PDB file of N, CA and C in Angstrom:
ATOM      1  N   MET A   1    -106.346 128.526 -41.389  1.00  0.00           N
ATOM      2  CA  MET A   1    -104.905 129.099 -40.941  1.00  0.00           C
ATOM      3  C   MET A   1    -104.067 127.884 -40.640  1.00  0.00           C
ATOM      4  N   LYS A   2    -104.675 126.919 -39.880  1.00  0.00           N
ATOM      5  CA  LYS A   2    -103.930 125.703 -39.498  1.00  0.00           C
ATOM      6  C   LYS A   2    -103.259 124.839 -40.809  1.00  0.00           C
ATOM      7  N   ARG A   3    -104.284 124.737 -41.716  1.00  0.00           N
ATOM      8  CA  ARG A   3    -103.892 123.891 -42.953  1.00  0.00           C
ATOM      9  C   ARG A   3    -102.568 124.721 -43.605  1.00  0.00           C
ATOM     10  N   SER A   4    -102.622 126.070 -43.635  1.00  0.00           N
ATOM     11  CA  SER A   4    -101.488 126.811 -44.318  1.00  0.00           C
ATOM     12  C   SER A   4    -100.231 126.534 -43.438  1.00  0.00           C
ATOM     13  N   LEU A   5    -100.295 126.537 -42.288  1.00  0.00           N
ATOM     14  CA  LEU A   5     -99.316 126.380 -41.428  1.00  0.00           C
ATOM     15  C   LEU A   5     -98.564 125.085 -41.523  1.00  0.00           C
ATOM     16  N   ILE A   6     -99.554 124.021 -41.633  1.00  0.00           N
ATOM     17  CA  ILE A   6     -98.960 122.601 -41.712  1.00  0.00           C
ATOM     18  C   ILE A   6     -98.230 122.383 -43.063  1.00  0.00           C
ATOM     19  N   LEU A   7     -98.863 123.099 -44.029  1.00  0.00           N
ATOM     20  CA  LEU A   7     -98.255 122.961 -45.517  1.00  0.00           C
ATOM     21  C   LEU A   7     -96.829 123.648 -45.484  1.00  0.00           C
ATOM     22  N   LEU A   8     -96.581 124.813 -44.892  1.00  0.00           N
ATOM     23  CA  LEU A   8     -95.440 125.504 -44.663  1.00  0.00           C
ATOM     24  C   LEU A   8     -94.441 124.684 -44.094  1.00  0.00           C
ATOM     25  N   LEU A   9     -94.839 124.138 -42.649  1.00  0.00           N
ATOM     26  CA  LEU A   9     -94.024 123.267 -42.139  1.00  0.00           C
ATOM     27  C   LEU A   9     -93.491 122.127 -43.012  1.00  0.00           C
ATOM     28  N   LEU A  10     -94.280 121.394 -43.558  1.00  0.00           N
ATOM     29  CA  LEU A  10     -93.904 120.236 -44.679  1.00  0.00           C
ATOM     30  C   LEU A  10     -93.078 120.631 -45.701  1.00  0.00           C
ATOM     31  N   ALA A  11     -93.116 121.897 -46.109  1.00  0.00           N
ATOM     32  CA  ALA A  11     -92.487 122.465 -47.254  1.00  0.00           C
ATOM     33  C   ALA A  11     -90.926 122.916 -46.765  1.00  0.00           C
ATOM     34  N   LEU A  12     -90.799 123.292 -45.677  1.00  0.00           N
ATOM     35  CA  LEU A  12     -89.558 123.659 -45.195  1.00  0.00           C
ATOM     36  C   LEU A  12     -88.222 122.539 -45.327  1.00  0.00           C
ATOM     37  N   PRO A  13     -88.497 121.523 -44.959  1.00  0.00           N
ATOM     38  CA  PRO A  13     -87.349 120.533 -45.371  1.00  0.00           C
ATOM     39  C   PRO A  13     -87.059 120.391 -46.784  1.00  0.00           C
ATOM     40  N   ALA A  14     -88.077 120.487 -47.526  1.00  0.00           N
ATOM     41  CA  ALA A  14     -87.896 120.328 -49.067  1.00  0.00           C
ATOM     42  C   ALA A  14     -87.041 121.458 -49.686  1.00  0.00           C
ATOM     43  N   CYS A  15     -86.775 122.470 -49.001  1.00  0.00           N
ATOM     44  CA  CYS A  15     -86.021 123.699 -49.356  1.00  0.00           C
ATOM     45  C   CYS A  15     -84.531 123.615 -49.273  1.00  0.00           C
ATOM     46  N   GLU A  16     -84.210 122.366 -48.452  1.00  0.00           N
ATOM     47  CA  GLU A  16     -82.682 122.121 -48.238  1.00  0.00           C
ATOM     48  C   GLU A  16     -82.012 121.432 -49.504  1.00  0.00           C
ATOM     49  N   SER A  17     -80.951 121.739 -49.758  1.00  0.00           N
ATOM     50  CA  SER A  17     -80.071 120.965 -50.887  1.00  0.00           C
ATOM     51  C   SER A  17     -79.653 119.667 -50.028  1.00  0.00           C
ATOM     52  N   PRO A  18     -79.193 118.957 -50.881  1.00  0.00           N
ATOM     53  CA  PRO A  18     -78.589 117.551 -50.502  1.00  0.00           C
ATOM     54  C   PRO A  18     -77.430 117.756 -49.596  1.00  0.00           C
ATOM     55  N   ALA A  19     -76.656 118.653 -49.910  1.00  0.00           N
ATOM     56  CA  ALA A  19     -75.513 118.987 -49.062  1.00  0.00           C
ATOM     57  C   ALA A  19     -75.845 119.411 -47.582  1.00  0.00           C
ATOM     58  N   GLU A  20     -76.830 120.261 -47.568  1.00  0.00           N
ATOM     59  CA  GLU A  20     -77.510 120.848 -46.373  1.00  0.00           C
ATOM     60  C   GLU A  20     -77.801 119.761 -45.560  1.00  0.00           C
ATOM     61  N   ILE A  21     -78.708 118.766 -46.114  1.00  0.00           N
ATOM     62  CA  ILE A  21     -79.267 117.675 -45.369  1.00  0.00           C
ATOM     63  C   ILE A  21     -78.091 116.855 -44.679  1.00  0.00           C
ATOM     64  N   ALA A  22     -77.064 116.590 -45.749  1.00  0.00           N
ATOM     65  CA  ALA A  22     -75.824 115.820 -45.325  1.00  0.00           C
ATOM     66  C   ALA A  22     -75.309 116.409 -43.932  1.00  0.00           C
ATOM     67  N   ALA A  23     -74.904 117.755 -44.280  1.00  0.00           N
ATOM     68  CA  ALA A  23     -74.243 118.529 -43.078  1.00  0.00           C
ATOM     69  C   ALA A  23     -75.092 118.380 -41.799  1.00  0.00           C
ATOM     70  N   ARG A  24     -76.293 118.374 -42.096  1.00  0.00           N
ATOM     71  CA  ARG A  24     -77.321 118.521 -40.762  1.00  0.00           C
ATOM     72  C   ARG A  24     -76.977 117.150 -40.177  1.00  0.00           C
ATOM     73  N   GLU A  25     -77.112 115.967 -41.087  1.00  0.00           N
ATOM     74  CA  GLU A  25     -77.018 114.754 -40.531  1.00  0.00           C
ATOM     75  C   GLU A  25     -75.704 114.342 -39.909  1.00  0.00           C
ATOM     76  N   GLN A  26     -74.556 114.838 -40.356  1.00  0.00           N
ATOM     77  CA  GLN A  26     -73.136 114.592 -39.881  1.00  0.00           C
ATOM     78  C   GLN A  26     -73.010 115.497 -38.472  1.00  0.00           C
ATOM     79  N   LEU A  27     -73.854 116.630 -38.428  1.00  0.00           N
ATOM     80  CA  LEU A  27     -73.739 117.342 -37.105  1.00  0.00           C
ATOM     81  C   LEU A  27     -74.391 116.644 -35.937  1.00  0.00           C
ATOM     82  N   ASP A  28     -75.648 116.165 -36.488  1.00  0.00           N
ATOM     83  CA  ASP A  28     -76.535 115.395 -35.427  1.00  0.00           C
ATOM     84  C   ASP A  28     -75.682 114.176 -34.988  1.00  0.00           C
ATOM     85  N   ALA A  29     -75.083 113.343 -35.898  1.00  0.00           N
ATOM     86  CA  ALA A  29     -74.309 112.103 -35.356  1.00  0.00           C
ATOM     87  C   ALA A  29     -73.170 112.433 -34.464  1.00  0.00           C
ATOM     88  N   ALA A  30     -72.553 113.627 -34.887  1.00  0.00           N
ATOM     89  CA  ALA A  30     -71.459 113.998 -34.149  1.00  0.00           C
ATOM     90  C   ALA A  30     -71.699 114.306 -32.726  1.00  0.00           C
ATOM     91  N   CYS A  31     -72.754 114.972 -32.624  1.00  0.00           N
ATOM     92  CA  CYS A  31     -73.397 115.443 -31.447  1.00  0.00           C
ATOM     93  C   CYS A  31     -73.910 114.175 -30.341  1.00  0.00           C
ATOM     94  N   ILE A  32     -74.283 113.259 -31.189  1.00  0.00           N
ATOM     95  CA  ILE A  32     -74.872 112.053 -30.599  1.00  0.00           C
ATOM     96  C   ILE A  32     -73.631 111.281 -29.800  1.00  0.00           C
ATOM     97  N   GLN A  33     -72.770 111.281 -30.723  1.00  0.00           N
ATOM     98  CA  GLN A  33     -71.364 110.542 -30.304  1.00  0.00           C
ATOM     99  C   GLN A  33     -70.583 111.530 -29.073  1.00  0.00           C
ATOM    100  N   GLY A  34     -70.978 112.646 -28.748  1.00  0.00           N
ATOM    101  CA  GLY A  34     -70.438 113.335 -27.708  1.00  0.00           C
ATOM    102  C   GLY A  34     -69.451 114.572 -27.965  1.00  0.00           C
ATOM    103  N   ASN A  35     -69.456 114.923 -29.287  1.00  0.00           N
ATOM    104  CA  ASN A  35     -68.809 116.184 -29.740  1.00  0.00           C
ATOM    105  C   ASN A  35     -69.489 117.268 -29.280  1.00  0.00           C
ATOM    106  N   LEU A  36     -68.789 117.969 -28.409  1.00  0.00           N
ATOM    107  CA  LEU A  36     -69.619 119.282 -27.708  1.00  0.00           C
ATOM    108  C   LEU A  36     -69.629 120.369 -28.644  1.00  0.00           C
ATOM    109  N   ASP A  37     -68.519 120.610 -29.708  1.00  0.00           N
ATOM    110  CA  ASP A  37     -68.721 121.454 -30.477  1.00  0.00           C
ATOM    111  C   ASP A  37     -70.008 121.258 -31.642  1.00  0.00           C
ATOM    112  N   ALA A  38     -70.036 120.084 -31.883  1.00  0.00           N
ATOM    113  CA  ALA A  38     -71.175 119.756 -32.870  1.00  0.00           C
ATOM    114  C   ALA A  38     -72.476 120.012 -32.189  1.00  0.00           C
ATOM    115  N   CYS A  39     -72.652 119.678 -30.825  1.00  0.00           N
ATOM    116  CA  CYS A  39     -73.979 119.747 -30.039  1.00  0.00           C
ATOM    117  C   CYS A  39     -74.140 121.293 -30.014  1.00  0.00           C
ATOM    118  N   THR A  40     -73.269 122.124 -29.838  1.00  0.00           N
ATOM    119  CA  THR A  40     -73.380 123.744 -29.898  1.00  0.00           C
ATOM    120  C   THR A  40     -73.932 124.065 -31.199  1.00  0.00           C
ATOM    121  N   ALA A  41     -73.323 123.592 -32.321  1.00  0.00           N
ATOM    122  CA  ALA A  41     -73.968 123.908 -33.480  1.00  0.00           C
ATOM    123  C   ALA A  41     -75.283 123.455 -33.874  1.00  0.00           C
ATOM    124  N   VAL A  42     -75.605 122.292 -33.426  1.00  0.00           N
ATOM    125  CA  VAL A  42     -77.128 121.854 -33.398  1.00  0.00           C
ATOM    126  C   VAL A  42     -77.924 122.754 -32.868  1.00  0.00           C
ATOM    127  N   GLN A  43     -77.620 123.176 -31.477  1.00  0.00           N
ATOM    128  CA  GLN A  43     -78.426 124.119 -30.669  1.00  0.00           C
ATOM    129  C   GLN A  43     -78.714 125.197 -31.284  1.00  0.00           C
ATOM    130  N   GLN A  44     -77.710 125.885 -31.957  1.00  0.00           N
ATOM    131  CA  GLN A  44     -77.722 127.106 -32.657  1.00  0.00           C
ATOM    132  C   GLN A  44     -78.647 127.078 -33.715  1.00  0.00           C
ATOM    133  N   ARG A  45     -78.437 125.864 -34.626  1.00  0.00           N
ATOM    134  CA  ARG A  45     -79.174 125.667 -35.714  1.00  0.00           C
ATOM    135  C   ARG A  45     -80.755 125.482 -35.406  1.00  0.00           C
ATOM    136  N   VAL A  46     -80.966 124.866 -34.391  1.00  0.00           N
ATOM    137  CA  VAL A  46     -82.417 124.494 -33.828  1.00  0.00           C
ATOM    138  C   VAL A  46     -83.026 125.757 -33.314  1.00  0.00           C
ATOM    139  N   ALA A  47     -82.317 126.613 -32.595  1.00  0.00           N
ATOM    140  CA  ALA A  47     -82.775 128.069 -32.288  1.00  0.00           C
ATOM    141  C   ALA A  47     -83.073 128.715 -33.297  1.00  0.00           C
ATOM    142  N   ALA A  48     -82.228 128.845 -34.329  1.00  0.00           N
ATOM    143  CA  ALA A  48     -82.521 129.766 -35.553  1.00  0.00           C
ATOM    144  C   ALA A  48     -83.806 129.148 -36.310  1.00  0.00           C
ATOM    145  N   GLU A  49     -83.924 127.952 -36.481  1.00  0.00           N
ATOM    146  CA  GLU A  49     -85.052 127.240 -37.102  1.00  0.00           C
ATOM    147  C   GLU A  49     -86.367 127.618 -36.184  1.00  0.00           C
ATOM    148  N   ASN A  50     -86.394 127.481 -34.963  1.00  0.00           N
ATOM    149  CA  ASN A  50     -87.395 127.876 -34.141  1.00  0.00           C
ATOM    150  C   ASN A  50     -87.707 129.253 -34.377  1.00  0.00           C
ATOM    151  N   GLN A  51     -86.896 130.086 -34.262  1.00  0.00           N
ATOM    152  CA  GLN A  51     -87.016 131.633 -34.348  1.00  0.00           C
ATOM    153  C   GLN A  51     -87.793 131.997 -35.820  1.00  0.00           C
ATOM    154  N   THR A  52     -87.317 131.279 -36.830  1.00  0.00           N
ATOM    155  CA  THR A  52     -87.856 131.301 -38.195  1.00  0.00           C
ATOM    156  C   THR A  52     -89.243 131.066 -38.255  1.00  0.00           C
ATOM    157  N   LEU A  53     -89.554 129.871 -37.474  1.00  0.00           N
ATOM    158  CA  LEU A  53     -91.020 129.248 -37.546  1.00  0.00           C
ATOM    159  C   LEU A  53     -91.805 130.196 -36.783  1.00  0.00           C
ATOM    160  N   ALA A  54     -91.304 130.577 -35.593  1.00  0.00           N
ATOM    161  CA  ALA A  54     -92.196 131.601 -34.787  1.00  0.00           C
ATOM    162  C   ALA A  54     -92.496 132.799 -35.603  1.00  0.00           C
ATOM    163  N   ILE A  55     -91.399 133.449 -36.335  1.00  0.00           N
ATOM    164  CA  ILE A  55     -91.832 134.595 -37.056  1.00  0.00           C
ATOM    165  C   ILE A  55     -92.819 134.328 -38.249  1.00  0.00           C
ATOM    166  N   THR A  56     -92.571 133.263 -38.705  1.00  0.00           N
ATOM    167  CA  THR A  56     -93.499 132.760 -39.895  1.00  0.00           C
ATOM    168  C   THR A  56     -94.980 132.523 -39.225  1.00  0.00           C
ATOM    169  N   ALA A  57     -94.967 131.776 -38.251  1.00  0.00           N
ATOM    170  CA  ALA A  57     -96.346 131.448 -37.442  1.00  0.00           C
ATOM    171  C   ALA A  57     -97.076 133.012 -37.202  1.00  0.00           C
ATOM    172  N   ALA A  58     -96.233 133.907 -36.590  1.00  0.00           N
ATOM    173  CA  ALA A  58     -96.841 135.069 -36.270  1.00  0.00           C
ATOM    174  C   ALA A  58     -97.369 135.859 -37.466  1.00  0.00           C
ATOM    175  N   GLY A  59     -96.733 135.525 -38.706  1.00  0.00           N
ATOM    176  CA  GLY A  59     -97.346 136.077 -39.761  1.00  0.00           C
ATOM    177  C   GLY A  59     -98.754 135.706 -40.230  1.00  0.00           C
ATOM    178  N   PHE A  60     -99.152 134.665 -39.839  1.00  0.00           N
ATOM    179  CA  PHE A  60    -100.364 133.939 -39.958  1.00  0.00           C
ATOM    180  C   PHE A  60    -101.415 134.632 -39.255  1.00  0.00           C
TER     181      PHE A  60
END
C-alpha cells in the first residue's frame, strides 16, 4: 500500500503540462515577492492539491 501511494505521489507532477508548471512557478515567485493576490492563488492551489491527495490516499 505504501509503495503504491509513493508511486502515485511521484507521478502527479508528471501529469502537468509545461504551461502549468510555468504558471505554478510564476505564481510561487510572485507570492514570494509579496503579491498578496498570488499568495491567495497559491494557497487555494495547495489546498486543492491536498484535498485531492487526501481523497486518493483514502481510496487506498
